[in-house]
Amino acid sequence: MAIIKCGGGVVGIRGQLGGNIFSSGTNGPYVRTWANIPNPCTQNQFFRRFPFQAWPGVWAAISAGQRADWNAYGKAHPKTNPLLETYHLNGYQWFVSCNQRLTAWSGTEVHDAPVNPPPTTVTCTAVDYAPDGLIADIDIQHVADAFADNFRVIHAYVIPWGTNTSWPSAYYQMRVDFDPDPGETLVNFALAHNIKFGPGAVGYKMFVRVMAGSIEGLASIPWESQATWPTA
């Protein structure tokens, strides 16, 4: 799915054209590929949807003052889409967004709106993607104490070029640590990689995102890099 920007006097577009569905939402017009989903109730879809079912009840249970604070936070913190257009999330959207992150990070659910800014981007210095015997070994280097009092969150996906294997081009959470040891400058997520993507092979290309996450559920702009499995 992608947001679109209309021009030439066109204010909106809806309908199907050439296998694409054009529509519009709260944040403007968008286009998505038409898909005939044979089974919309797969186990994977159930697990992705299930967490969202709880948040309306939690939102209703917090105080009116807390909801007002979330709404005020949404108005005071605009976001920018890839077309450089400014838009706002409402308080409930921010509430769910922060708590969904905390759930993924095994953090503690929050009912109060954030009072601190998001963590700053952590610049890592290197990604080492290489074989260790018959399996992958991945190390990411960063400066000491870079994630003090924050979560260190690592996502990755792999393109297995030159093989008949394929995975969706989507980032998967590989590892989360809260407030790592101040002297730690190297983190390895080989185990998660090997479980998700297999042992690795020549031609595999890995894309990595590393971000800092706060206990309020806010995330830094991710640091991104890539590495290719070396030839023998």
C-alpha atoms as a PDB file:
ATOM      1  CA  MET A   1       0.000   0.000   0.000  1.00  0.00           C
ATOM      2  CA  ALA A   2       1.228   3.506  -0.806  1.00  0.00           C
ATOM      3  CA  ILE A   3      -0.063   7.006  -0.251  1.00  0.00           C
ATOM      4  CA  ILE A   4      -0.623   9.073  -3.376  1.00  0.00           C
ATOM      5  CA  LYS A   5      -0.855  12.755  -4.188  1.00  0.00           C
ATOM      6  CA  CYS A   6      -3.409  13.907  -6.750  1.00  0.00           C
ATOM      7  CA  GLY A   7      -2.715  16.750  -9.143  1.00  0.00           C
ATOM      8  CA  GLY A   8      -4.117  18.503 -12.175  1.00  0.00           C
ATOM      9  CA  GLY A   9      -7.334  19.508 -10.450  1.00  0.00           C
ATOM     10  CA  VAL A  10      -8.045  15.958  -9.232  1.00  0.00           C
ATOM     11  CA  VAL A  11      -9.113  16.026  -5.588  1.00  0.00           C
ATOM     12  CA  GLY A  12      -9.552  12.282  -5.103  1.00  0.00           C
ATOM     13  CA  ILE A  13      -9.817   8.921  -6.785  1.00  0.00           C
ATOM     14  CA  ARG A  14     -11.643   5.746  -5.783  1.00  0.00           C
ATOM     15  CA  GLY A  15     -12.150   2.421  -7.483  1.00  0.00           C
ATOM     16  CA  GLN A  16     -10.202  -0.345  -9.173  1.00  0.00           C
ATOM     17  CA  LEU A  17      -7.836   0.130 -12.098  1.00  0.00           C
ATOM     18  CA  GLY A  18      -5.345  -2.347 -13.527  1.00  0.00           C
ATOM     19  CA  GLY A  19      -5.235  -4.569 -10.469  1.00  0.00           C
ATOM     20  CA  ASN A  20      -4.924  -1.630  -8.067  1.00  0.00           C
ATOM     21  CA  ILE A  21      -7.491  -0.347  -5.589  1.00  0.00           C
ATOM     22  CA  PHE A  22      -7.655   3.430  -5.108  1.00  0.00           C
ATOM     23  CA  SER A  23      -9.271   4.775  -1.986  1.00  0.00           C
ATOM     24  CA  SER A  24      -8.893   7.401   0.734  1.00  0.00           C
ATOM     25  CA  GLY A  25      -8.497   7.388   4.488  1.00  0.00           C
ATOM     26  CA  THR A  26      -8.045   9.812   7.355  1.00  0.00           C
ATOM     27  CA  ASN A  27      -4.560  10.735   6.170  1.00  0.00           C
ATOM     28  CA  GLY A  28      -5.410  11.112   2.478  1.00  0.00           C
ATOM     29  CA  PRO A  29      -5.686   9.040  -0.709  1.00  0.00           C
ATOM     30  CA  TYR A  30      -3.815   5.778  -1.155  1.00  0.00           C
ATOM     31  CA  VAL A  31      -3.458   2.865  -3.571  1.00  0.00           C
ATOM     32  CA  ARG A  32      -3.033  -0.813  -2.802  1.00  0.00           C
ATOM     33  CA  THR A  33      -2.749  -3.974  -4.835  1.00  0.00           C
ATOM     34  CA  TRP A  34      -5.986  -5.888  -5.241  1.00  0.00           C
ATOM     35  CA  ALA A  35      -5.748  -9.282  -3.598  1.00  0.00           C
ATOM     36  CA  ASN A  36      -8.191 -12.157  -3.385  1.00  0.00           C
ATOM     37  CA  ILE A  37      -7.401 -13.576   0.043  1.00  0.00           C
ATOM     38  CA  PRO A  38      -8.506 -17.232   0.086  1.00  0.00           C
ATOM     39  CA  ASN A  39      -8.523 -17.469   3.875  1.00  0.00           C
ATOM     40  CA  PRO A  40      -8.700 -14.231   5.866  1.00  0.00           C
ATOM     41  CA  CYS A  41      -8.641 -16.111   9.173  1.00  0.00           C
ATOM     42  CA  THR A  42      -5.257 -17.809   9.163  1.00  0.00           C
ATOM     43  CA  GLN A  43      -3.436 -18.427  12.426  1.00  0.00           C
ATOM     44  CA  ASN A  44      -0.845 -15.762  11.559  1.00  0.00           C
ATOM     45  CA  GLN A  45      -3.558 -13.167  10.903  1.00  0.00           C
ATOM     46  CA  PHE A  46      -5.296 -14.089  14.145  1.00  0.00           C
ATOM     47  CA  PHE A  47      -2.133 -13.501  16.171  1.00  0.00           C
ATOM     48  CA  ARG A  48      -1.537 -10.170  14.415  1.00  0.00           C
ATOM     49  CA  ARG A  49      -5.090  -8.953  15.039  1.00  0.00           C
ATOM     50  CA  PHE A  50      -5.593 -10.321  18.537  1.00  0.00           C
ATOM     51  CA  PRO A  51      -3.558  -7.673  20.432  1.00  0.00           C
ATOM     52  CA  PHE A  52      -5.633  -4.855  18.912  1.00  0.00           C
ATOM     53  CA  GLN A  53      -8.847  -6.303  20.340  1.00  0.00           C
ATOM     54  CA  ALA A  54      -7.810  -5.451  23.903  1.00  0.00           C
ATOM     55  CA  TRP A  55      -6.902  -1.770  23.429  1.00  0.00           C
ATOM     56  CA  PRO A  56     -10.428  -0.276  23.076  1.00  0.00           C
ATOM     57  CA  GLY A  57     -11.319  -1.665  26.499  1.00  0.00           C
ATOM     58  CA  VAL A  58      -8.106  -0.384  28.070  1.00  0.00           C
ATOM     59  CA  TRP A  59      -8.636   3.031  26.453  1.00  0.00           C
ATOM     60  CA  ALA A  60     -12.169   3.201  27.837  1.00  0.00           C
ATOM     61  CA  ALA A  61     -10.950   2.211  31.315  1.00  0.00           C
ATOM     62  CA  ILE A  62      -8.364   4.961  31.730  1.00  0.00           C
ATOM     63  CA  SER A  63      -9.516   8.317  33.073  1.00  0.00           C
ATOM     64  CA  ALA A  64     -10.976  11.129  30.984  1.00  0.00           C
ATOM     65  CA  GLY A  65      -7.989  13.249  31.974  1.00  0.00           C
ATOM     66  CA  GLN A  66      -5.571  10.634  30.678  1.00  0.00           C
ATOM     67  CA  ARG A  67      -7.443  10.416  27.377  1.00  0.00           C
ATOM     68  CA  ALA A  68      -7.386  14.201  27.105  1.00  0.00           C
ATOM     69  CA  ASP A  69      -3.607  14.155  27.655  1.00  0.00           C
ATOM     70  CA  TRP A  70      -3.173  11.617  24.850  1.00  0.00           C
ATOM     71  CA  ASN A  71      -5.323  13.728  22.515  1.00  0.00           C
ATOM     72  CA  ALA A  72      -3.314  16.819  23.396  1.00  0.00           C
ATOM     73  CA  TYR A  73      -0.112  14.886  22.751  1.00  0.00           C
ATOM     74  CA  GLY A  74      -1.397  13.922  19.302  1.00  0.00           C
ATOM     75  CA  LYS A  75      -2.203  17.521  18.414  1.00  0.00           C
ATOM     76  CA  ALA A  76       1.191  18.725  19.627  1.00  0.00           C
ATOM     77  CA  HIS A  77       3.260  16.088  17.782  1.00  0.00           C
ATOM     78  CA  PRO A  78       2.628  16.117  14.013  1.00  0.00           C
ATOM     79  CA  LYS A  79       4.116  13.455  11.797  1.00  0.00           C
ATOM     80  CA  THR A  80       5.360  13.678   8.212  1.00  0.00           C
ATOM     81  CA  ASN A  81       4.572  11.130   5.514  1.00  0.00           C
ATOM     82  CA  PRO A  82       6.903  10.150   2.616  1.00  0.00           C
ATOM     83  CA  LEU A  83       5.341  12.909   0.498  1.00  0.00           C
ATOM     84  CA  LEU A  84       6.481  15.430   3.136  1.00  0.00           C
ATOM     85  CA  GLU A  85       2.889  16.170   4.111  1.00  0.00           C
ATOM     86  CA  THR A  86       2.102  16.832   7.753  1.00  0.00           C
ATOM     87  CA  TYR A  87      -0.590  14.848   9.520  1.00  0.00           C
ATOM     88  CA  HIS A  88      -1.651  14.082  13.083  1.00  0.00           C
ATOM     89  CA  LEU A  89      -2.478  10.884  14.923  1.00  0.00           C
ATOM     90  CA  ASN A  90      -5.273  11.179  17.440  1.00  0.00           C
ATOM     91  CA  GLY A  91      -4.805  10.302  21.083  1.00  0.00           C
ATOM     92  CA  TYR A  92      -6.117   6.754  20.735  1.00  0.00           C
ATOM     93  CA  GLN A  93      -3.783   6.055  17.814  1.00  0.00           C
ATOM     94  CA  TRP A  94      -0.795   7.249  19.844  1.00  0.00           C
ATOM     95  CA  PHE A  95      -1.971   5.191  22.821  1.00  0.00           C
ATOM     96  CA  VAL A  96      -2.176   2.014  20.745  1.00  0.00           C
ATOM     97  CA  SER A  97       1.065   2.727  18.901  1.00  0.00           C
ATOM     98  CA  CYS A  98       3.068   3.184  22.113  1.00  0.00           C
ATOM     99  CA  ASN A  99       1.550   0.167  23.816  1.00  0.00           C
ATOM    100  CA  GLN A 100       1.922  -2.095  20.796  1.00  0.00           C
ATOM    101  CA  ARG A 101       5.635  -1.306  20.784  1.00  0.00           C
ATOM    102  CA  LEU A 102       5.921  -1.965  24.492  1.00  0.00           C
ATOM    103  CA  THR A 103       4.116  -5.281  24.057  1.00  0.00           C
ATOM    104  CA  ALA A 104       6.596  -6.286  21.348  1.00  0.00           C
ATOM    105  CA  TRP A 105       9.497  -5.193  23.552  1.00  0.00           C
ATOM    106  CA  SER A 106       8.115  -6.984  26.650  1.00  0.00           C
ATOM    107  CA  GLY A 107       7.781  -3.618  28.337  1.00  0.00           C
ATOM    108  CA  THR A 108       5.132  -2.376  30.780  1.00  0.00           C
ATOM    109  CA  GLU A 109       1.797  -1.072  29.499  1.00  0.00           C
ATOM    110  CA  VAL A 110       1.436   2.709  29.816  1.00  0.00           C
ATOM    111  CA  HIS A 111      -1.769   4.671  30.516  1.00  0.00           C
ATOM    112  CA  ASP A 112      -0.262   8.157  30.689  1.00  0.00           C
ATOM    113  CA  ALA A 113       0.752  10.110  27.595  1.00  0.00           C
ATOM    114  CA  PRO A 114       4.517  10.532  27.068  1.00  0.00           C
ATOM    115  CA  VAL A 115       6.181  13.449  28.804  1.00  0.00           C
ATOM    116  CA  ASN A 116       9.681  12.913  27.373  1.00  0.00           C
ATOM    117  CA  PRO A 117      10.903  13.192  23.772  1.00  0.00           C
ATOM    118  CA  PRO A 118      11.726  10.040  21.789  1.00  0.00           C
ATOM    119  CA  PRO A 119      15.248   8.668  22.195  1.00  0.00           C
ATOM    120  CA  THR A 120      17.854  10.001  19.782  1.00  0.00           C
ATOM    121  CA  THR A 121      19.064   7.844  16.909  1.00  0.00           C
ATOM    122  CA  VAL A 122      21.914   5.552  17.875  1.00  0.00           C
ATOM    123  CA  THR A 123      24.603   5.375  15.203  1.00  0.00           C
ATOM    124  CA  CYS A 124      26.132   1.946  14.946  1.00  0.00           C
ATOM    125  CA  THR A 125      29.598   1.545  13.490  1.00  0.00           C
ATOM    126  CA  ALA A 126      29.551  -1.818  11.718  1.00  0.00           C
ATOM    127  CA  VAL A 127      27.516  -4.881  10.784  1.00  0.00           C
ATOM    128  CA  ASP A 128      29.401  -8.156  10.454  1.00  0.00           C
ATOM    129  CA  TYR A 129      27.479 -10.863   8.563  1.00  0.00           C
ATOM    130  CA  ALA A 130      29.614 -13.947   8.089  1.00  0.00           C
ATOM    131  CA  PRO A 131      29.619 -17.717   8.534  1.00  0.00           C
ATOM    132  CA  ASP A 132      30.664 -19.286  11.806  1.00  0.00           C
ATOM    133  CA  GLY A 133      31.118 -22.896  10.889  1.00  0.00           C
ATOM    134  CA  LEU A 134      27.855 -23.903   9.189  1.00  0.00           C
ATOM    135  CA  ILE A 135      25.611 -21.134  10.553  1.00  0.00           C
ATOM    136  CA  ALA A 136      25.361 -17.368  10.350  1.00  0.00           C
ATOM    137  CA  ASP A 137      27.096 -15.096  12.820  1.00  0.00           C
ATOM    138  CA  ILE A 138      25.921 -11.479  12.999  1.00  0.00           C
ATOM    139  CA  ASP A 139      27.468  -8.745  15.107  1.00  0.00           C
ATOM    140  CA  ILE A 140      26.445  -5.087  15.344  1.00  0.00           C
ATOM    141  CA  GLN A 141      28.872  -2.628  16.919  1.00  0.00           C
ATOM    142  CA  HIS A 142      27.853   0.592  18.651  1.00  0.00           C
ATOM    143  CA  VAL A 143      29.346   3.018  21.150  1.00  0.00           C
ATOM    144  CA  ALA A 144      29.294   2.125  24.830  1.00  0.00           C
ATOM    145  CA  ASP A 145      26.244   3.083  26.886  1.00  0.00           C
ATOM    146  CA  ALA A 146      24.342   4.075  23.733  1.00  0.00           C
ATOM    147  CA  PHE A 147      21.053   2.630  24.987  1.00  0.00           C
ATOM    148  CA  ALA A 148      21.128   3.789  28.615  1.00  0.00           C
ATOM    149  CA  ASP A 149      17.677   3.442  30.231  1.00  0.00           C
ATOM    150  CA  ASN A 150      16.186   2.482  26.853  1.00  0.00           C
ATOM    151  CA  PHE A 151      15.381  -0.639  24.887  1.00  0.00           C
ATOM    152  CA  ARG A 152      17.821  -1.752  22.199  1.00  0.00           C
ATOM    153  CA  VAL A 153      15.621  -3.040  19.387  1.00  0.00           C
ATOM    154  CA  ILE A 154      16.967  -4.866  16.329  1.00  0.00           C
ATOM    155  CA  HIS A 155      14.950  -5.762  13.222  1.00  0.00           C
ATOM    156  CA  ALA A 156      16.214  -7.491  10.088  1.00  0.00           C
ATOM    157  CA  TYR A 157      15.185  -9.216   6.922  1.00  0.00           C
ATOM    158  CA  VAL A 158      17.145 -11.281   4.435  1.00  0.00           C
ATOM    159  CA  ILE A 159      17.053 -11.554   0.647  1.00  0.00           C
ATOM    160  CA  PRO A 160      18.463 -14.987  -0.287  1.00  0.00           C
ATOM    161  CA  TRP A 161      19.842 -14.059  -3.710  1.00  0.00           C
ATOM    162  CA  GLY A 162      20.957 -16.972  -5.844  1.00  0.00           C
ATOM    163  CA  THR A 163      18.695 -19.491  -4.085  1.00  0.00           C
ATOM    164  CA  ASN A 164      15.185 -20.841  -4.503  1.00  0.00           C
ATOM    165  CA  THR A 165      14.240 -19.678  -1.007  1.00  0.00           C
ATOM    166  CA  SER A 166      12.150 -16.569  -0.425  1.00  0.00           C
ATOM    167  CA  TRP A 167      10.697 -14.650   2.514  1.00  0.00           C
ATOM    168  CA  PRO A 168       8.452 -11.589   2.562  1.00  0.00           C
ATOM    169  CA  SER A 169      10.413  -8.333   2.351  1.00  0.00           C
ATOM    170  CA  ALA A 170       9.368  -7.329   5.848  1.00  0.00           C
ATOM    171  CA  TYR A 171      11.455  -6.593   8.900  1.00  0.00           C
ATOM    172  CA  TYR A 172      11.281  -9.117  11.714  1.00  0.00           C
ATOM    173  CA  GLN A 173      12.174  -8.359  15.314  1.00  0.00           C
ATOM    174  CA  MET A 174      15.408 -10.160  16.046  1.00  0.00           C
ATOM    175  CA  ARG A 175      16.412  -9.040  19.517  1.00  0.00           C
ATOM    176  CA  VAL A 176      15.360  -6.655  22.282  1.00  0.00           C
ATOM    177  CA  ASP A 177      17.396  -5.734  25.368  1.00  0.00           C
ATOM    178  CA  PHE A 178      16.548  -3.160  27.999  1.00  0.00           C
ATOM    179  CA  ASP A 179      19.344  -0.931  29.292  1.00  0.00           C
ATOM    180  CA  PRO A 180      22.267  -3.082  28.099  1.00  0.00           C
ATOM    181  CA  ASP A 181      25.483  -3.211  30.084  1.00  0.00           C
ATOM    182  CA  PRO A 182      27.116   0.254  29.860  1.00  0.00           C
ATOM    183  CA  GLY A 183      30.378  -1.219  28.610  1.00  0.00           C
ATOM    184  CA  GLU A 184      28.755  -3.358  25.927  1.00  0.00           C
ATOM    185  CA  THR A 185      29.601  -2.296  22.379  1.00  0.00           C
ATOM    186  CA  LEU A 186      28.785  -5.472  20.463  1.00  0.00           C
ATOM    187  CA  VAL A 187      25.458  -7.282  20.089  1.00  0.00           C
ATOM    188  CA  ASN A 188      24.835 -10.588  18.329  1.00  0.00           C
ATOM    189  CA  PHE A 189      21.510 -11.938  17.061  1.00  0.00           C
ATOM    190  CA  ALA A 190      22.702 -15.046  15.203  1.00  0.00           C
ATOM    191  CA  LEU A 191      20.288 -17.360  17.032  1.00  0.00           C
ATOM    192  CA  ALA A 192      17.188 -15.409  15.973  1.00  0.00           C
ATOM    193  CA  HIS A 193      18.537 -15.122  12.415  1.00  0.00           C
ATOM    194  CA  ASN A 194      19.157 -18.836  12.121  1.00  0.00           C
ATOM    195  CA  ILE A 195      15.706 -19.677  13.464  1.00  0.00           C
ATOM    196  CA  LYS A 196      13.953 -17.305  11.064  1.00  0.00           C
ATOM    197  CA  PHE A 197      16.115 -17.384   7.946  1.00  0.00           C
ATOM    198  CA  GLY A 198      18.169 -20.555   8.276  1.00  0.00           C
ATOM    199  CA  PRO A 199      21.955 -20.894   8.504  1.00  0.00           C
ATOM    200  CA  GLY A 200      22.719 -18.474   5.655  1.00  0.00           C
ATOM    201  CA  ALA A 201      24.656 -18.911   2.424  1.00  0.00           C
ATOM    202  CA  VAL A 202      26.762 -17.062  -0.119  1.00  0.00           C
ATOM    203  CA  GLY A 203      24.643 -14.361  -1.757  1.00  0.00           C
ATOM    204  CA  TYR A 204      22.361 -13.732   1.222  1.00  0.00           C
ATOM    205  CA  LYS A 205      21.856 -10.019   1.777  1.00  0.00           C
ATOM    206  CA  MET A 206      20.684  -8.814   5.172  1.00  0.00           C
ATOM    207  CA  PHE A 207      19.026  -5.462   5.908  1.00  0.00           C
ATOM    208  CA  VAL A 208      19.201  -4.237   9.497  1.00  0.00           C
ATOM    209  CA  ARG A 209      17.397  -1.598  11.551  1.00  0.00           C
ATOM    210  CA  VAL A 210      18.538  -0.656  15.037  1.00  0.00           C
ATOM    211  CA  MET A 211      16.569   1.759  17.181  1.00  0.00           C
ATOM    212  CA  ALA A 212      16.278   2.894  20.757  1.00  0.00           C
ATOM    213  CA  GLY A 213      12.908   2.617  22.482  1.00  0.00           C
ATOM    214  CA  SER A 214      11.765   4.411  25.625  1.00  0.00           C
ATOM    215  CA  ILE A 215       9.737   3.005  28.519  1.00  0.00           C
ATOM    216  CA  GLU A 216       6.939   5.301  27.317  1.00  0.00           C
ATOM    217  CA  GLY A 217       6.737   3.411  24.024  1.00  0.00           C
ATOM    218  CA  LEU A 218       8.432   6.011  21.835  1.00  0.00           C
ATOM    219  CA  ALA A 219      11.056   4.958  19.299  1.00  0.00           C
ATOM    220  CA  SER A 220      14.024   6.747  17.786  1.00  0.00           C
ATOM    221  CA  ILE A 221      14.525   7.128  14.065  1.00  0.00           C
ATOM    222  CA  PRO A 222      16.139   3.796  13.149  1.00  0.00           C
ATOM    223  CA  TRP A 223      19.734   3.413  12.081  1.00  0.00           C
ATOM    224  CA  GLU A 224      19.785   1.307   8.926  1.00  0.00           C
ATOM    225  CA  SER A 225      22.455  -0.709   7.202  1.00  0.00           C
ATOM    226  CA  GLN A 226      22.991  -3.815   5.110  1.00  0.00           C
ATOM    227  CA  ALA A 227      25.536  -6.562   4.715  1.00  0.00           C
ATOM    228  CA  THR A 228      26.135  -9.409   2.258  1.00  0.00           C
ATOM    229  CA  TRP A 229      27.235 -12.936   3.118  1.00  0.00           C
ATOM    230  CA  PRO A 230      30.823 -13.089   1.824  1.00  0.00           C
ATOM    231  CA  THR A 231      32.055 -15.442  -0.851  1.00  0.00           C
ATOM    232  CA  ALA A 232      34.349 -18.226   0.231  1.00  0.00           C
END
